[in-house]
């Protein structure tokens, strides 16, 4: 008998005396904690992103190209990964070599790139989480995991939701979803925090209004 058969056998024995018409037990989880306006939800997102050590910026739609130029220049980025569907105007002011997201790009190629700029699928305020789903403005999953610096643009309030249940309603579960709460980090048994082990060491999030 396999391990699977043994486990299923225990489940069947545990359920043997349960009537067939008994209703399953369900939990009435809250869809969100508290009631907030759209502006308050965006504020909560910004607070939780910062709490996870992401660097948060705000600007109006027309200010985005100049802000991205300044962020990449301050970082000293000489190259930037560009997803195929990134709006061309976003990087219009950036003076850096564009590395287009292609299947032929190896992890070694991406490791030599200084930064990546992407959009996002949705942002969750209560958890300070950015969700990527591989859409054209985000590119393949690896372009946001290998480069050390990720700048992610979130349109507010349209792309911001309060809770994880609300985010799941917007997402396609068949797509490659990446959930990011701050820069990549891990801790050893002595709780020494190390960033950049399995993702970007620096995450900058730009909240764009309008």
Protein backbone atom coordinates (compact mmCIF):
# COMPACT_ATOMS: atom_id res chain seq x y z
CA UNK A 1 0.00 0.00 0.00
CA UNK A 2 1.37 3.40 -0.97
CA UNK A 3 1.56 6.40 1.37
CA UNK A 4 -1.21 8.03 -0.66
CA UNK A 5 -3.51 5.04 -0.19
CA UNK A 6 -2.81 4.95 3.56
CA UNK A 7 -3.66 8.67 3.95
CA UNK A 8 -6.85 8.39 1.90
CA UNK A 9 -7.84 5.31 3.89
CA UNK A 10 -7.54 7.25 7.15
CA UNK A 11 -9.66 10.06 5.72
CA UNK A 12 -12.37 7.60 4.65
CA UNK A 13 -12.43 5.95 8.07
CA UNK A 14 -12.68 9.33 9.79
CA UNK A 15 -15.65 10.26 7.59
CA UNK A 16 -17.39 6.89 7.78
CA UNK A 17 -20.03 8.02 10.30
CA UNK A 18 -20.75 11.39 8.68
CA UNK A 19 -24.21 11.54 7.02
CA UNK A 20 -24.06 12.03 3.26
CA UNK A 21 -26.40 15.03 3.42
CA UNK A 22 -24.47 16.89 6.14
CA UNK A 23 -23.56 20.39 5.00
CA UNK A 24 -19.82 21.15 4.88
CA UNK A 25 -18.39 23.49 7.48
CA UNK A 26 -17.52 26.87 6.01
CA UNK A 27 -15.75 29.82 7.52
CA UNK A 28 -17.10 33.32 7.05
CA UNK A 29 -13.85 35.17 6.41
CA UNK A 30 -13.89 38.95 6.18
CA UNK A 31 -13.30 40.29 2.69
CA UNK A 32 -11.50 43.26 4.17
CA UNK A 33 -10.67 44.54 7.64
CA UNK A 34 -12.41 47.85 8.28
CA UNK A 35 -13.98 50.26 5.83
CA UNK A 36 -11.74 52.68 3.97
CA UNK A 37 -12.09 55.17 1.16
CA UNK A 38 -10.03 54.67 -1.99
CA UNK A 39 -7.57 57.31 -0.79
CA UNK A 40 -7.24 55.63 2.61
CA UNK A 41 -6.62 52.29 0.92
CA UNK A 42 -3.78 53.79 -1.11
CA UNK A 43 -2.32 55.32 2.06
CA UNK A 44 -2.41 51.92 3.76
CA UNK A 45 -0.64 50.37 0.79
CA UNK A 46 2.11 52.98 0.95
CA UNK A 47 2.55 52.46 4.71
CA UNK A 48 2.78 48.68 4.43
CA UNK A 49 5.13 48.78 1.45
CA UNK A 50 7.47 51.04 3.43
CA UNK A 51 7.16 48.76 6.46
CA UNK A 52 8.49 45.93 4.25
CA UNK A 53 11.44 48.17 3.25
CA UNK A 54 10.21 48.97 -0.23
CA UNK A 55 10.95 52.55 -1.32
CA UNK A 56 7.71 54.33 -2.19
CA UNK A 57 7.38 57.27 -4.60
CA UNK A 58 4.33 59.19 -5.76
CA UNK A 59 3.72 61.22 -8.88
CA UNK A 60 1.10 62.28 -11.40
CA UNK A 61 0.87 60.44 -14.70
CA UNK A 62 2.67 63.16 -16.65
CA UNK A 63 5.57 63.18 -14.16
CA UNK A 64 6.33 59.46 -14.46
CA UNK A 65 8.99 59.59 -17.26
CA UNK A 66 11.01 62.21 -15.41
CA UNK A 67 10.72 60.34 -12.11
CA UNK A 68 11.86 57.06 -13.64
CA UNK A 69 14.80 58.85 -15.24
CA UNK A 70 15.82 60.26 -11.84
CA UNK A 71 15.42 56.94 -10.03
CA UNK A 72 17.57 55.04 -12.51
CA UNK A 73 20.16 57.82 -12.65
CA UNK A 74 20.40 57.91 -8.85
CA UNK A 75 20.97 54.17 -8.90
CA UNK A 76 23.68 54.55 -11.54
CA UNK A 77 21.84 52.15 -13.84
CA UNK A 78 23.43 51.87 -17.24
CA UNK A 79 21.07 49.12 -18.46
CA UNK A 80 17.41 48.34 -17.83
CA UNK A 81 15.19 45.39 -18.73
CA UNK A 82 12.15 46.44 -20.74
CA UNK A 83 9.07 44.15 -20.86
CA UNK A 84 7.54 43.99 -24.37
CA UNK A 85 4.32 45.77 -23.37
CA UNK A 86 5.80 48.51 -21.20
CA UNK A 87 4.29 51.84 -22.32
CA UNK A 88 7.05 53.42 -24.45
CA UNK A 89 6.60 56.85 -22.90
CA UNK A 90 7.57 55.61 -19.44
CA UNK A 91 11.27 55.37 -20.31
CA UNK A 92 11.35 58.25 -22.80
CA UNK A 93 13.67 60.32 -20.58
CA UNK A 94 15.88 57.42 -19.43
CA UNK A 95 19.48 57.40 -20.67
CA UNK A 96 20.25 53.70 -20.27
CA UNK A 97 20.68 50.72 -22.58
CA UNK A 98 17.38 48.90 -23.10
CA UNK A 99 17.55 45.12 -22.68
CA UNK A 100 14.38 43.71 -24.17
CA UNK A 101 12.73 40.74 -22.49
CA UNK A 102 13.36 37.76 -24.77
CA UNK A 103 13.24 34.00 -24.29
CA UNK A 104 16.92 33.85 -25.28
CA UNK A 105 17.97 35.95 -22.27
CA UNK A 106 19.79 33.69 -19.81
CA UNK A 107 19.92 34.25 -16.04
CA UNK A 108 23.53 35.29 -16.54
CA UNK A 109 22.45 37.91 -19.10
CA UNK A 110 19.86 39.30 -16.69
CA UNK A 111 22.29 39.28 -13.78
CA UNK A 112 24.44 41.78 -15.70
CA UNK A 113 21.49 44.20 -16.08
CA UNK A 114 21.31 46.98 -13.50
CA UNK A 115 17.53 47.48 -13.22
CA UNK A 116 14.11 46.40 -14.45
CA UNK A 117 11.00 48.57 -14.78
CA UNK A 118 7.56 46.97 -14.87
CA UNK A 119 3.89 47.55 -14.29
CA UNK A 120 1.85 45.27 -12.02
CA UNK A 121 -1.41 43.29 -12.04
CA UNK A 122 -2.74 44.45 -8.68
CA UNK A 123 -1.52 45.76 -5.31
CA UNK A 124 -2.90 44.65 -1.93
CA UNK A 125 -3.07 47.39 0.70
CA UNK A 126 -3.57 45.26 3.83
CA UNK A 127 -0.47 43.17 3.17
CA UNK A 128 1.70 45.66 1.26
CA UNK A 129 1.91 43.19 -1.62
CA UNK A 130 2.55 43.73 -5.33
CA UNK A 131 1.25 40.98 -7.61
CA UNK A 132 2.75 40.34 -11.05
CA UNK A 133 1.09 37.99 -13.53
CA UNK A 134 3.45 38.00 -16.50
CA UNK A 135 1.34 40.41 -18.57
CA UNK A 136 3.12 42.32 -21.37
CA UNK A 137 3.90 45.32 -19.15
CA UNK A 138 5.55 43.00 -16.60
CA UNK A 139 7.44 40.51 -18.70
CA UNK A 140 8.57 37.01 -17.78
CA UNK A 141 8.87 36.13 -14.11
CA UNK A 142 12.66 35.88 -14.26
CA UNK A 143 13.15 39.51 -15.33
CA UNK A 144 11.77 40.59 -11.95
CA UNK A 145 13.69 37.99 -9.93
CA UNK A 146 17.25 38.17 -11.29
CA UNK A 147 18.13 41.91 -11.60
CA UNK A 148 19.08 43.47 -8.27
CA UNK A 149 16.87 46.56 -8.67
CA UNK A 150 13.16 46.52 -9.54
CA UNK A 151 11.04 49.61 -10.14
CA UNK A 152 7.34 48.72 -10.19
CA UNK A 153 4.67 51.18 -11.32
CA UNK A 154 1.22 50.94 -9.71
CA UNK A 155 -1.69 52.99 -11.02
CA UNK A 156 -3.74 54.35 -8.11
CA UNK A 157 -6.44 53.87 -7.17
CA UNK A 158 -7.41 51.58 -10.08
CA UNK A 159 -4.87 48.82 -9.39
CA UNK A 160 -5.14 48.90 -5.58
CA UNK A 161 -7.44 46.66 -3.54
CA UNK A 162 -7.83 46.31 0.21
CA UNK A 163 -7.39 42.58 0.71
CA UNK A 164 -6.07 39.31 -0.69
CA UNK A 165 -9.62 37.97 -1.43
CA UNK A 166 -10.30 41.08 -3.52
CA UNK A 167 -7.00 40.63 -5.35
CA UNK A 168 -7.77 37.00 -6.16
CA UNK A 169 -11.02 38.05 -7.83
CA UNK A 170 -9.00 40.13 -10.31
CA UNK A 171 -6.35 37.51 -11.06
CA UNK A 172 -6.27 34.62 -13.52
CA UNK A 173 -5.08 31.55 -11.56
CA UNK A 174 -3.68 29.98 -14.73
CA UNK A 175 -1.12 32.78 -15.11
CA UNK A 176 2.36 32.74 -13.47
CA UNK A 177 1.64 34.84 -10.37
CA UNK A 178 4.42 36.40 -8.32
CA UNK A 179 3.45 37.92 -4.95
CA UNK A 180 6.02 40.39 -3.64
CA UNK A 181 5.98 42.11 -0.26
CA UNK A 182 9.08 44.30 -0.20
CA UNK A 183 12.55 43.35 -1.45
CA UNK A 184 13.62 39.72 -1.36
CA UNK A 185 14.74 38.80 2.16
CA UNK A 186 15.47 35.82 4.37
CA UNK A 187 16.79 35.26 7.87
CA UNK A 188 19.01 32.55 9.34
CA UNK A 189 18.49 30.82 12.68
CA UNK A 190 19.99 33.85 14.47
CA UNK A 191 17.52 36.15 12.67
CA UNK A 192 20.21 37.94 10.68
CA UNK A 193 18.30 39.45 7.75
CA UNK A 194 19.84 39.09 4.29
CA UNK A 195 18.26 40.79 1.28
CA UNK A 196 18.54 39.86 -2.37
CA UNK A 197 18.86 36.09 -1.95
CA UNK A 198 16.00 35.07 -4.25
CA UNK A 199 14.92 38.31 -5.88
CA UNK A 200 15.80 42.01 -6.13
CA UNK A 201 17.69 43.54 -3.23
CA UNK A 202 15.97 46.89 -3.84
CA UNK A 203 12.28 47.35 -4.67
CA UNK A 204 11.02 50.82 -5.56
CA UNK A 205 7.28 51.27 -6.04
CA UNK A 206 5.90 54.27 -7.90
CA UNK A 207 2.27 55.12 -7.14
CA UNK A 208 0.97 56.99 -10.19
CA UNK A 209 -2.23 59.00 -10.03
CA UNK A 210 -4.26 60.00 -13.04
